C-alpha atoms as a PDB file:
ATOM      1  CA  MET A   1      21.127  15.897   5.072  1.00  0.00           C
ATOM      2  CA  SER A   2      17.688  14.876   5.618  1.00  0.00           C
ATOM      3  CA  THR A   3      16.811  11.283   8.320  1.00  0.00           C
ATOM      4  CA  VAL A   4      13.606  10.088   9.557  1.00  0.00           C
ATOM      5  CA  ALA A   5      12.380   9.996  12.871  1.00  0.00           C
ATOM      6  CA  VAL A   6      10.531   7.585  14.648  1.00  0.00           C
ATOM      7  CA  LEU A   7       8.205   9.211  17.389  1.00  0.00           C
ATOM      8  CA  GLY A   8       6.160   7.587  20.141  1.00  0.00           C
ATOM      9  CA  ALA A   9       6.233   5.652  23.596  1.00  0.00           C
ATOM     10  CA  ARG A  10       9.692   4.163  24.207  1.00  0.00           C
ATOM     11  CA  ALA A  11       9.039   0.776  23.737  1.00  0.00           C
ATOM     12  CA  LEU A  12       8.187   1.160  20.560  1.00  0.00           C
ATOM     13  CA  VAL A  13      10.813   2.983  18.840  1.00  0.00           C
ATOM     14  CA  GLN A  14      13.853   2.411  20.958  1.00  0.00           C
ATOM     15  CA  GLY A  15      14.373  -0.023  18.749  1.00  0.00           C
ATOM     16  CA  PHE A  16      14.809   2.062  15.769  1.00  0.00           C
ATOM     17  CA  ALA A  17      17.246   4.057  16.710  1.00  0.00           C
ATOM     18  CA  LEU A  18      19.856   1.103  14.741  1.00  0.00           C
ATOM     19  CA  THR A  19      18.531   1.672  12.222  1.00  0.00           C
ATOM     20  CA  GLY A  20      19.508   5.696  12.481  1.00  0.00           C
ATOM     21  CA  ALA A  21      16.578   6.403  13.037  1.00  0.00           C
ATOM     22  CA  ARG A  22      16.229  10.173  15.204  1.00  0.00           C
ATOM     23  CA  VAL A  23      14.207   8.218  18.152  1.00  0.00           C
ATOM     24  CA  LEU A  24      11.210  11.076  19.830  1.00  0.00           C
ATOM     25  CA  VAL A  25      10.204   9.487  23.155  1.00  0.00           C
ATOM     26  CA  ALA A  26       6.777  10.269  23.624  1.00  0.00           C
ATOM     27  CA  GLU A  27       5.194   8.907  26.384  1.00  0.00           C
ATOM     28  CA  THR A  28       2.023  11.575  27.125  1.00  0.00           C
ATOM     29  CA  ALA A  29      -0.392  13.169  25.134  1.00  0.00           C
ATOM     30  CA  ALA A  30       1.646  16.550  25.679  1.00  0.00           C
ATOM     31  CA  ASP A  31       5.045  14.570  25.337  1.00  0.00           C
ATOM     32  CA  VAL A  32       3.970  13.802  21.858  1.00  0.00           C
ATOM     33  CA  ARG A  33       2.285  17.640  20.805  1.00  0.00           C
ATOM     34  CA  ASP A  34       6.118  19.193  22.240  1.00  0.00           C
ATOM     35  CA  GLN A  35       8.599  17.065  20.233  1.00  0.00           C
ATOM     36  CA  TRP A  36       5.741  17.647  17.017  1.00  0.00           C
ATOM     37  CA  GLU A  37       6.776  21.236  17.913  1.00  0.00           C
ATOM     38  CA  ARG A  38      10.622  21.081  18.226  1.00  0.00           C
ATOM     39  CA  MET A  39      10.679  18.266  15.175  1.00  0.00           C
ATOM     40  CA  PRO A  40      14.253  18.836  13.190  1.00  0.00           C
ATOM     41  CA  ASN A  41      13.852  21.044   9.814  1.00  0.00           C
ATOM     42  CA  ASP A  42      16.136  18.804   8.116  1.00  0.00           C
ATOM     43  CA  VAL A  43      13.508  15.266   9.208  1.00  0.00           C
ATOM     44  CA  LEU A  44      11.751  14.304   5.870  1.00  0.00           C
ATOM     45  CA  VAL A  45      10.135  10.877   6.937  1.00  0.00           C
ATOM     46  CA  VAL A  46       8.330  10.436  10.639  1.00  0.00           C
ATOM     47  CA  ILE A  47       7.162   7.342  11.742  1.00  0.00           C
ATOM     48  CA  VAL A  48       4.451   7.175  14.093  1.00  0.00           C
ATOM     49  CA  THR A  49       2.895   5.330  16.741  1.00  0.00           C
ATOM     50  CA  PRO A  50      -1.055   4.855  16.867  1.00  0.00           C
ATOM     51  CA  SER A  51      -1.533   6.493  20.081  1.00  0.00           C
ATOM     52  CA  ALA A  52       1.402   9.092  19.121  1.00  0.00           C
ATOM     53  CA  ALA A  53      -1.013   9.899  15.764  1.00  0.00           C
ATOM     54  CA  ALA A  54      -4.508  10.238  17.730  1.00  0.00           C
ATOM     55  CA  GLU A  55      -2.051  12.998  19.385  1.00  0.00           C
ATOM     56  CA  LEU A  56      -2.160  14.741  15.701  1.00  0.00           C
ATOM     57  CA  PRO A  57      -5.250  14.695  14.167  1.00  0.00           C
ATOM     58  CA  GLY A  58      -4.790  16.202  10.680  1.00  0.00           C
ATOM     59  CA  ILE A  59      -0.726  14.926  10.572  1.00  0.00           C
ATOM     60  CA  ARG A  60      -1.143  13.028   7.518  1.00  0.00           C
ATOM     61  CA  SER A  61      -2.760  15.410   5.210  1.00  0.00           C
ATOM     62  CA  SER A  62      -0.837  18.863   5.508  1.00  0.00           C
ATOM     63  CA  ALA A  63       1.978  19.413   2.565  1.00  0.00           C
ATOM     64  CA  ASP A  64       3.685  21.719   5.513  1.00  0.00           C
ATOM     65  CA  GLY A  65       5.033  18.940   7.371  1.00  0.00           C
ATOM     66  CA  PRO A  66       7.412  15.964   6.556  1.00  0.00           C
ATOM     67  CA  MET A  67       6.082  12.657   5.133  1.00  0.00           C
ATOM     68  CA  THR A  68       4.611  10.826   8.363  1.00  0.00           C
ATOM     69  CA  VAL A  69       3.232   7.394   8.423  1.00  0.00           C
ATOM     70  CA  VAL A  70       1.721   5.134  11.317  1.00  0.00           C
ATOM     71  CA  MET A  71       3.077   1.802  12.806  1.00  0.00           C
ATOM     72  CA  PRO A  72       0.127  -0.527  12.001  1.00  0.00           C
ATOM     73  CA  THR A  73      -1.582  -2.006  15.100  1.00  0.00           C
END
């Protein structure tokens, strides 16, 4: 079954757990890159915070990975 993941700082992503999304907490730039690299294969959509998106240039244009959406600021 496919899942949705939410990646970013705990304060911004923890509430998404209530929707059944997989929450990937990343407080630092290194955490963001690590969580992205370890993303499970069943994740088809990833919602990222603006600061997490800044650490992953090109993710929205990649055809290889999951569909990625950046939270509005």
